Amino acid sequence: MSLDKSLRRKGRIVRARNVLTRAERIKQLMQEERWREGMSPFGLPKIRVIKLKKSKRSAKEEKAAAAAGGAAGAAASPTQEKK
């Protein structure tokens, strides 16, 4: 059975997944040094999936960054227009 065209997405899943593939679990176990040579790929231990969130900068930080960037840009090239 095929997937309906309206349900397909271009590329990969955009949102965070809560289930890893077996290969991803083995790779993460190797990074954490929990994988032993000769271990069975079946019955792997559970691995916590860390979801990353984008942090929003505060309004004060944005204004300070914009002011610093604008002042530096104006001092470097006074003839260039801001976009």
PDB file of N, CA and C in Angstrom:
ATOM      1  N   MET A   1       0.844  -1.169   0.000  1.00  0.00           N
ATOM      2  CA  MET A   1       0.000   0.000   0.000  1.00  0.00           C
ATOM      3  C   MET A   1       0.897   1.242   0.000  1.00  0.00           C
ATOM      4  N   SER A   2       0.585   2.189  -0.822  1.00  0.00           N
ATOM      5  CA  SER A   2       1.418   3.381  -0.918  1.00  0.00           C
ATOM      6  C   SER A   2       0.909   4.486   0.013  1.00  0.00           C
ATOM      7  N   LEU A   3       1.787   5.420   0.269  1.00  0.00           N
ATOM      8  CA  LEU A   3       1.467   6.543   1.134  1.00  0.00           C
ATOM      9  C   LEU A   3       0.800   7.641   0.309  1.00  0.00           C
ATOM     10  N   ASP A   4      -0.251   8.214   0.850  1.00  0.00           N
ATOM     11  CA  ASP A   4      -0.965   9.275   0.143  1.00  0.00           C
ATOM     12  C   ASP A   4      -0.026  10.454  -0.114  1.00  0.00           C
ATOM     13  N   LYS A   5      -0.171  11.096  -1.242  1.00  0.00           N
ATOM     14  CA  LYS A   5       0.698  12.190  -1.652  1.00  0.00           C
ATOM     15  C   LYS A   5       0.647  13.360  -0.675  1.00  0.00           C
ATOM     16  N   SER A   6      -0.501  13.608  -0.060  1.00  0.00           N
ATOM     17  CA  SER A   6      -0.635  14.727   0.870  1.00  0.00           C
ATOM     18  C   SER A   6       0.113  14.470   2.185  1.00  0.00           C
ATOM     19  N   LEU A   7       0.404  13.205   2.481  1.00  0.00           N
ATOM     20  CA  LEU A   7       1.097  12.867   3.721  1.00  0.00           C
ATOM     21  C   LEU A   7       2.610  12.796   3.569  1.00  0.00           C
ATOM     22  N   ARG A   8       3.093  12.832   2.364  1.00  0.00           N
ATOM     23  CA  ARG A   8       4.533  12.762   2.124  1.00  0.00           C
ATOM     24  C   ARG A   8       5.178  14.112   2.416  1.00  0.00           C
ATOM     25  N   ARG A   9       6.400  14.034   2.865  1.00  0.00           N
ATOM     26  CA  ARG A   9       7.180  15.254   3.092  1.00  0.00           C
ATOM     27  C   ARG A   9       8.428  15.197   2.237  1.00  0.00           C
ATOM     28  N   LYS A  10       8.862  16.344   1.795  1.00  0.00           N
ATOM     29  CA  LYS A  10      10.109  16.396   1.052  1.00  0.00           C
ATOM     30  C   LYS A  10      11.250  16.275   2.057  1.00  0.00           C
ATOM     31  N   GLY A  11      12.213  15.481   1.731  1.00  0.00           N
ATOM     32  CA  GLY A  11      13.352  15.316   2.622  1.00  0.00           C
ATOM     33  C   GLY A  11      12.990  14.459   3.818  1.00  0.00           C
ATOM     34  N   ARG A  12      13.572  14.768   4.934  1.00  0.00           N
ATOM     35  CA  ARG A  12      13.381  13.971   6.140  1.00  0.00           C
ATOM     36  C   ARG A  12      12.364  14.611   7.071  1.00  0.00           C
ATOM     37  N   ILE A  13      12.146  13.935   8.176  1.00  0.00           N
ATOM     38  CA  ILE A  13      11.213  14.445   9.180  1.00  0.00           C
ATOM     39  C   ILE A  13      11.807  15.702   9.802  1.00  0.00           C
ATOM     40  N   VAL A  14      11.022  16.734   9.925  1.00  0.00           N
ATOM     41  CA  VAL A  14      11.497  18.007  10.439  1.00  0.00           C
ATOM     42  C   VAL A  14      11.517  17.997  11.970  1.00  0.00           C
ATOM     43  N   ARG A  15      10.510  17.400  12.572  1.00  0.00           N
ATOM     44  CA  ARG A  15      10.435  17.415  14.031  1.00  0.00           C
ATOM     45  C   ARG A  15      11.346  16.349  14.630  1.00  0.00           C
ATOM     46  N   ALA A  16      11.601  16.461  15.927  1.00  0.00           N
ATOM     47  CA  ALA A  16      12.457  15.507  16.620  1.00  0.00           C
ATOM     48  C   ALA A  16      11.754  14.158  16.736  1.00  0.00           C
ATOM     49  N   ARG A  17      12.502  13.082  16.540  1.00  0.00           N
ATOM     50  CA  ARG A  17      11.943  11.741  16.669  1.00  0.00           C
ATOM     51  C   ARG A  17      12.180  11.236  18.082  1.00  0.00           C
ATOM     52  N   ASN A  18      11.305  10.376  18.556  1.00  0.00           N
ATOM     53  CA  ASN A  18      11.500   9.821  19.888  1.00  0.00           C
ATOM     54  C   ASN A  18      11.938   8.363  19.837  1.00  0.00           C
ATOM     55  N   VAL A  19      12.185   7.829  18.651  1.00  0.00           N
ATOM     56  CA  VAL A  19      12.642   6.457  18.495  1.00  0.00           C
ATOM     57  C   VAL A  19      13.853   6.459  17.566  1.00  0.00           C
ATOM     58  N   LEU A  20      14.928   5.787  17.987  1.00  0.00           N
ATOM     59  CA  LEU A  20      16.127   5.692  17.161  1.00  0.00           C
ATOM     60  C   LEU A  20      16.139   4.356  16.431  1.00  0.00           C
ATOM     61  N   THR A  21      16.790   4.327  15.282  1.00  0.00           N
ATOM     62  CA  THR A  21      16.971   3.065  14.582  1.00  0.00           C
ATOM     63  C   THR A  21      18.016   2.242  15.323  1.00  0.00           C
ATOM     64  N   ARG A  22      18.096   0.965  15.014  1.00  0.00           N
ATOM     65  CA  ARG A  22      19.057   0.094  15.691  1.00  0.00           C
ATOM     66  C   ARG A  22      20.485   0.592  15.470  1.00  0.00           C
ATOM     67  N   ALA A  23      20.805   1.020  14.256  1.00  0.00           N
ATOM     68  CA  ALA A  23      22.148   1.517  13.943  1.00  0.00           C
ATOM     69  C   ALA A  23      22.471   2.769  14.751  1.00  0.00           C
ATOM     70  N   GLU A  24      21.484   3.675  14.882  1.00  0.00           N
ATOM     71  CA  GLU A  24      21.688   4.901  15.667  1.00  0.00           C
ATOM     72  C   GLU A  24      21.900   4.575  17.143  1.00  0.00           C
ATOM     73  N   ARG A  25      21.175   3.578  17.645  1.00  0.00           N
ATOM     74  CA  ARG A  25      21.337   3.180  19.048  1.00  0.00           C
ATOM     75  C   ARG A  25      22.719   2.592  19.294  1.00  0.00           C
ATOM     76  N   ILE A  26      23.193   1.750  18.372  1.00  0.00           N
ATOM     77  CA  ILE A  26      24.527   1.157  18.511  1.00  0.00           C
ATOM     78  C   ILE A  26      25.594   2.244  18.459  1.00  0.00           C
ATOM     79  N   LYS A  27      25.438   3.197  17.537  1.00  0.00           N
ATOM     80  CA  LYS A  27      26.399   4.295  17.412  1.00  0.00           C
ATOM     81  C   LYS A  27      26.460   5.107  18.703  1.00  0.00           C
ATOM     82  N   GLN A  28      25.304   5.400  19.296  1.00  0.00           N
ATOM     83  CA  GLN A  28      25.266   6.174  20.523  1.00  0.00           C
ATOM     84  C   GLN A  28      25.853   5.375  21.691  1.00  0.00           C
ATOM     85  N   LEU A  29      25.613   4.073  21.722  1.00  0.00           N
ATOM     86  CA  LEU A  29      26.211   3.230  22.756  1.00  0.00           C
ATOM     87  C   LEU A  29      27.735   3.228  22.632  1.00  0.00           C
ATOM     88  N   MET A  30      28.240   3.229  21.395  1.00  0.00           N
ATOM     89  CA  MET A  30      29.691   3.277  21.182  1.00  0.00           C
ATOM     90  C   MET A  30      30.268   4.598  21.684  1.00  0.00           C
ATOM     91  N   GLN A  31      29.560   5.700  21.430  1.00  0.00           N
ATOM     92  CA  GLN A  31      30.030   7.006  21.893  1.00  0.00           C
ATOM     93  C   GLN A  31      30.056   7.083  23.409  1.00  0.00           C
ATOM     94  N   GLU A  32      29.075   6.456  24.053  1.00  0.00           N
ATOM     95  CA  GLU A  32      29.002   6.453  25.510  1.00  0.00           C
ATOM     96  C   GLU A  32      29.858   5.351  26.120  1.00  0.00           C
ATOM     97  N   GLU A  33      30.554   4.573  25.276  1.00  0.00           N
ATOM     98  CA  GLU A  33      31.415   3.468  25.690  1.00  0.00           C
ATOM     99  C   GLU A  33      30.647   2.418  26.481  1.00  0.00           C
ATOM    100  N   ARG A  34      29.398   2.165  26.086  1.00  0.00           N
ATOM    101  CA  ARG A  34      28.564   1.133  26.694  1.00  0.00           C
ATOM    102  C   ARG A  34      28.437  -0.078  25.778  1.00  0.00           C
ATOM    103  N   TRP A  35      29.012  -0.008  24.584  1.00  0.00           N
ATOM    104  CA  TRP A  35      28.928  -1.096  23.610  1.00  0.00           C
ATOM    105  C   TRP A  35      30.178  -1.960  23.741  1.00  0.00           C
ATOM    106  N   ARG A  36      29.985  -3.251  23.932  1.00  0.00           N
ATOM    107  CA  ARG A  36      31.096  -4.195  24.015  1.00  0.00           C
ATOM    108  C   ARG A  36      31.149  -5.005  22.735  1.00  0.00           C
ATOM    109  N   GLU A  37      32.349  -5.319  22.286  1.00  0.00           N
ATOM    110  CA  GLU A  37      32.528  -6.122  21.076  1.00  0.00           C
ATOM    111  C   GLU A  37      31.904  -7.492  21.296  1.00  0.00           C
ATOM    112  N   GLY A  38      31.163  -7.968  20.322  1.00  0.00           N
ATOM    113  CA  GLY A  38      30.520  -9.268  20.417  1.00  0.00           C
ATOM    114  C   GLY A  38      29.125  -9.206  21.022  1.00  0.00           C
ATOM    115  N   MET A  39      28.656  -8.003  21.382  1.00  0.00           N
ATOM    116  CA  MET A  39      27.312  -7.825  21.931  1.00  0.00           C
ATOM    117  C   MET A  39      26.279  -8.054  20.841  1.00  0.00           C
ATOM    118  N   SER A  40      25.144  -8.603  21.200  1.00  0.00           N
ATOM    119  CA  SER A  40      24.087  -8.852  20.236  1.00  0.00           C
ATOM    120  C   SER A  40      23.379  -7.544  19.880  1.00  0.00           C
ATOM    121  N   PRO A  41      23.055  -7.337  18.600  1.00  0.00           N
ATOM    122  CA  PRO A  41      22.325  -6.123  18.210  1.00  0.00           C
ATOM    123  C   PRO A  41      20.851  -6.185  18.594  1.00  0.00           C
ATOM    124  N   PHE A  42      20.412  -7.321  19.109  1.00  0.00           N
ATOM    125  CA  PHE A  42      19.021  -7.472  19.536  1.00  0.00           C
ATOM    126  C   PHE A  42      18.938  -7.282  21.042  1.00  0.00           C
ATOM    127  N   GLY A  43      17.833  -6.726  21.512  1.00  0.00           N
ATOM    128  CA  GLY A  43      17.644  -6.515  22.940  1.00  0.00           C
ATOM    129  C   GLY A  43      18.568  -5.447  23.490  1.00  0.00           C
ATOM    130  N   LEU A  44      18.782  -4.387  22.715  1.00  0.00           N
ATOM    131  CA  LEU A  44      19.664  -3.304  23.151  1.00  0.00           C
ATOM    132  C   LEU A  44      19.044  -2.551  24.322  1.00  0.00           C
ATOM    133  N   PRO A  45      19.876  -1.965  25.189  1.00  0.00           N
ATOM    134  CA  PRO A  45      19.323  -1.170  26.284  1.00  0.00           C
ATOM    135  C   PRO A  45      18.676   0.103  25.749  1.00  0.00           C
ATOM    136  N   LYS A  46      17.748   0.636  26.527  1.00  0.00           N
ATOM    137  CA  LYS A  46      17.081   1.867  26.116  1.00  0.00           C
ATOM    138  C   LYS A  46      18.065   3.025  26.155  1.00  0.00           C
ATOM    139  N   ILE A  47      17.865   3.953  25.232  1.00  0.00           N
ATOM    140  CA  ILE A  47      18.723   5.131  25.146  1.00  0.00           C
ATOM    141  C   ILE A  47      17.840   6.358  25.147  1.00  0.00           C
ATOM    142  N   ARG A  48      18.168   7.290  25.989  1.00  0.00           N
ATOM    143  CA  ARG A  48      17.393   8.527  26.073  1.00  0.00           C
ATOM    144  C   ARG A  48      17.696   9.402  24.870  1.00  0.00           C
ATOM    145  N   VAL A  49      16.656   9.909  24.241  1.00  0.00           N
ATOM    146  CA  VAL A  49      16.795  10.795  23.095  1.00  0.00           C
ATOM    147  C   VAL A  49      16.731  12.222  23.610  1.00  0.00           C
ATOM    148  N   ILE A  50      17.801  12.975  23.385  1.00  0.00           N
ATOM    149  CA  ILE A  50      17.860  14.355  23.851  1.00  0.00           C
ATOM    150  C   ILE A  50      17.297  15.252  22.767  1.00  0.00           C
ATOM    151  N   LYS A  51      16.277  16.013  23.128  1.00  0.00           N
ATOM    152  CA  LYS A  51      15.657  16.927  22.182  1.00  0.00           C
ATOM    153  C   LYS A  51      16.247  18.309  22.396  1.00  0.00           C
ATOM    154  N   LEU A  52      16.754  18.902  21.338  1.00  0.00           N
ATOM    155  CA  LEU A  52      17.356  20.217  21.423  1.00  0.00           C
ATOM    156  C   LEU A  52      16.321  21.281  21.112  1.00  0.00           C
ATOM    157  N   LYS A  53      16.354  22.334  21.889  1.00  0.00           N
ATOM    158  CA  LYS A  53      15.454  23.455  21.647  1.00  0.00           C
ATOM    159  C   LYS A  53      16.278  24.658  21.247  1.00  0.00           C
ATOM    160  N   LYS A  54      15.734  25.427  20.342  1.00  0.00           N
ATOM    161  CA  LYS A  54      16.396  26.671  19.963  1.00  0.00           C
ATOM    162  C   LYS A  54      16.113  27.700  21.044  1.00  0.00           C
ATOM    163  N   SER A  55      17.168  28.337  21.496  1.00  0.00           N
ATOM    164  CA  SER A  55      16.973  29.350  22.528  1.00  0.00           C
ATOM    165  C   SER A  55      16.706  30.692  21.860  1.00  0.00           C
ATOM    166  N   LYS A  56      15.794  31.422  22.441  1.00  0.00           N
ATOM    167  CA  LYS A  56      15.468  32.742  21.916  1.00  0.00           C
ATOM    168  C   LYS A  56      16.271  33.777  22.688  1.00  0.00           C
ATOM    169  N   ARG A  57      16.887  34.671  21.949  1.00  0.00           N
ATOM    170  CA  ARG A  57      17.637  35.728  22.611  1.00  0.00           C
ATOM    171  C   ARG A  57      16.663  36.778  23.110  1.00  0.00           C
ATOM    172  N   SER A  58      17.015  37.383  24.216  1.00  0.00           N
ATOM    173  CA  SER A  58      16.137  38.411  24.772  1.00  0.00           C
ATOM    174  C   SER A  58      16.165  39.654  23.884  1.00  0.00           C
ATOM    175  N   ALA A  59      15.191  40.483  24.035  1.00  0.00           N
ATOM    176  CA  ALA A  59      15.080  41.696  23.227  1.00  0.00           C
ATOM    177  C   ALA A  59      16.269  42.623  23.466  1.00  0.00           C
ATOM    178  N   LYS A  60      16.729  42.686  24.698  1.00  0.00           N
ATOM    179  CA  LYS A  60      17.885  43.543  25.008  1.00  0.00           C
ATOM    180  C   LYS A  60      19.128  43.064  24.275  1.00  0.00           C
ATOM    181  N   GLU A  61      19.355  41.754  24.266  1.00  0.00           N
ATOM    182  CA  GLU A  61      20.525  41.215  23.584  1.00  0.00           C
ATOM    183  C   GLU A  61      20.445  41.469  22.088  1.00  0.00           C
ATOM    184  N   GLU A  62      19.252  41.331  21.509  1.00  0.00           N
ATOM    185  CA  GLU A  62      19.086  41.573  20.075  1.00  0.00           C
ATOM    186  C   GLU A  62      19.363  43.026  19.730  1.00  0.00           C
ATOM    187  N   LYS A  63      18.841  43.945  20.544  1.00  0.00           N
ATOM    188  CA  LYS A  63      19.075  45.364  20.289  1.00  0.00           C
ATOM    189  C   LYS A  63      20.549  45.701  20.416  1.00  0.00           C
ATOM    190  N   ALA A  64      21.218  45.135  21.420  1.00  0.00           N
ATOM    191  CA  ALA A  64      22.638  45.398  21.630  1.00  0.00           C
ATOM    192  C   ALA A  64      23.455  44.853  20.460  1.00  0.00           C
ATOM    193  N   ALA A  65      23.116  43.667  19.991  1.00  0.00           N
ATOM    194  CA  ALA A  65      23.825  43.073  18.862  1.00  0.00           C
ATOM    195  C   ALA A  65      23.596  43.882  17.591  1.00  0.00           C
ATOM    196  N   ALA A  66      22.367  44.342  17.386  1.00  0.00           N
ATOM    197  CA  ALA A  66      22.056  45.135  16.197  1.00  0.00           C
ATOM    198  C   ALA A  66      22.774  46.480  16.243  1.00  0.00           C
ATOM    199  N   ALA A  67      22.804  47.095  17.418  1.00  0.00           N
ATOM    200  CA  ALA A  67      23.470  48.389  17.555  1.00  0.00           C
ATOM    201  C   ALA A  67      24.975  48.232  17.355  1.00  0.00           C
ATOM    202  N   ALA A  68      25.564  47.191  17.915  1.00  0.00           N
ATOM    203  CA  ALA A  68      26.997  46.961  17.768  1.00  0.00           C
ATOM    204  C   ALA A  68      27.336  46.635  16.319  1.00  0.00           C
ATOM    205  N   GLY A  69      26.517  45.822  15.674  1.00  0.00           N
ATOM    206  CA  GLY A  69      26.742  45.466  14.277  1.00  0.00           C
ATOM    207  C   GLY A  69      26.555  46.660  13.364  1.00  0.00           C
ATOM    208  N   GLY A  70      25.556  47.465  13.639  1.00  0.00           N
ATOM    209  CA  GLY A  70      25.289  48.650  12.827  1.00  0.00           C
ATOM    210  C   GLY A  70      26.375  49.692  12.969  1.00  0.00           C
ATOM    211  N   ALA A  71      26.862  49.898  14.192  1.00  0.00           N
ATOM    212  CA  ALA A  71      27.920  50.874  14.427  1.00  0.00           C
ATOM    213  C   ALA A  71      29.226  50.412  13.797  1.00  0.00           C
ATOM    214  N   ALA A  72      29.530  49.133  13.897  1.00  0.00           N
ATOM    215  CA  ALA A  72      30.764  48.605  13.317  1.00  0.00           C
ATOM    216  C   ALA A  72      30.705  48.679  11.796  1.00  0.00           C
ATOM    217  N   GLY A  73      29.553  48.367  11.234  1.00  0.00           N
ATOM    218  CA  GLY A  73      29.400  48.418   9.787  1.00  0.00           C
ATOM    219  C   GLY A  73      29.475  49.839   9.258  1.00  0.00           C
ATOM    220  N   ALA A  74      28.902  50.787   9.983  1.00  0.00           N
ATOM    221  CA  ALA A  74      28.926  52.181   9.558  1.00  0.00           C
ATOM    222  C   ALA A  74      30.329  52.757   9.654  1.00  0.00           C
ATOM    223  N   ALA A  75      31.088  52.375  10.668  1.00  0.00           N
ATOM    224  CA  ALA A  75      32.443  52.877  10.833  1.00  0.00           C
ATOM    225  C   ALA A  75      33.383  52.285   9.782  1.00  0.00           C
ATOM    226  N   ALA A  76      33.139  51.057   9.398  1.00  0.00           N
ATOM    227  CA  ALA A  76      34.021  50.388   8.444  1.00  0.00           C
ATOM    228  C   ALA A  76      33.831  50.912   7.026  1.00  0.00           C
ATOM    229  N   SER A  77      32.586  51.106   6.621  1.00  0.00           N
ATOM    230  CA  SER A  77      32.340  51.570   5.259  1.00  0.00           C
ATOM    231  C   SER A  77      31.163  52.556   5.277  1.00  0.00           C
ATOM    232  N   PRO A  78      31.438  53.860   5.374  1.00  0.00           N
ATOM    233  CA  PRO A  78      30.353  54.848   5.449  1.00  0.00           C
ATOM    234  C   PRO A  78      29.568  54.998   4.163  1.00  0.00           C
ATOM    235  N   THR A  79      30.096  54.590   3.021  1.00  0.00           N
ATOM    236  CA  THR A  79      29.383  54.755   1.755  1.00  0.00           C
ATOM    237  C   THR A  79      28.441  53.609   1.444  1.00  0.00           C
ATOM    238  N   GLN A  80      28.572  52.520   2.171  1.00  0.00           N
ATOM    239  CA  GLN A  80      27.716  51.355   1.907  1.00  0.00           C
ATOM    240  C   GLN A  80      26.359  51.539   2.572  1.00  0.00           C
ATOM    241  N   GLU A  81      25.278  51.205   1.842  1.00  0.00           N
ATOM    242  CA  GLU A  81      23.942  51.318   2.385  1.00  0.00           C
ATOM    243  C   GLU A  81      23.577  50.092   3.193  1.00  0.00           C
ATOM    244  N   LYS A  82      22.747  50.269   4.214  1.00  0.00           N
ATOM    245  CA  LYS A  82      22.249  49.149   4.989  1.00  0.00           C
ATOM    246  C   LYS A  82      21.101  48.492   4.229  1.00  0.00           C
ATOM    247  N   LYS A  83      21.043  47.193   4.302  1.00  0.00           N
ATOM    248  CA  LYS A  83      19.986  46.459   3.620  1.00  0.00           C
ATOM    249  C   LYS A  83      18.933  46.047   4.594  1.00  0.00           C
TER     250      LYS A  83
END
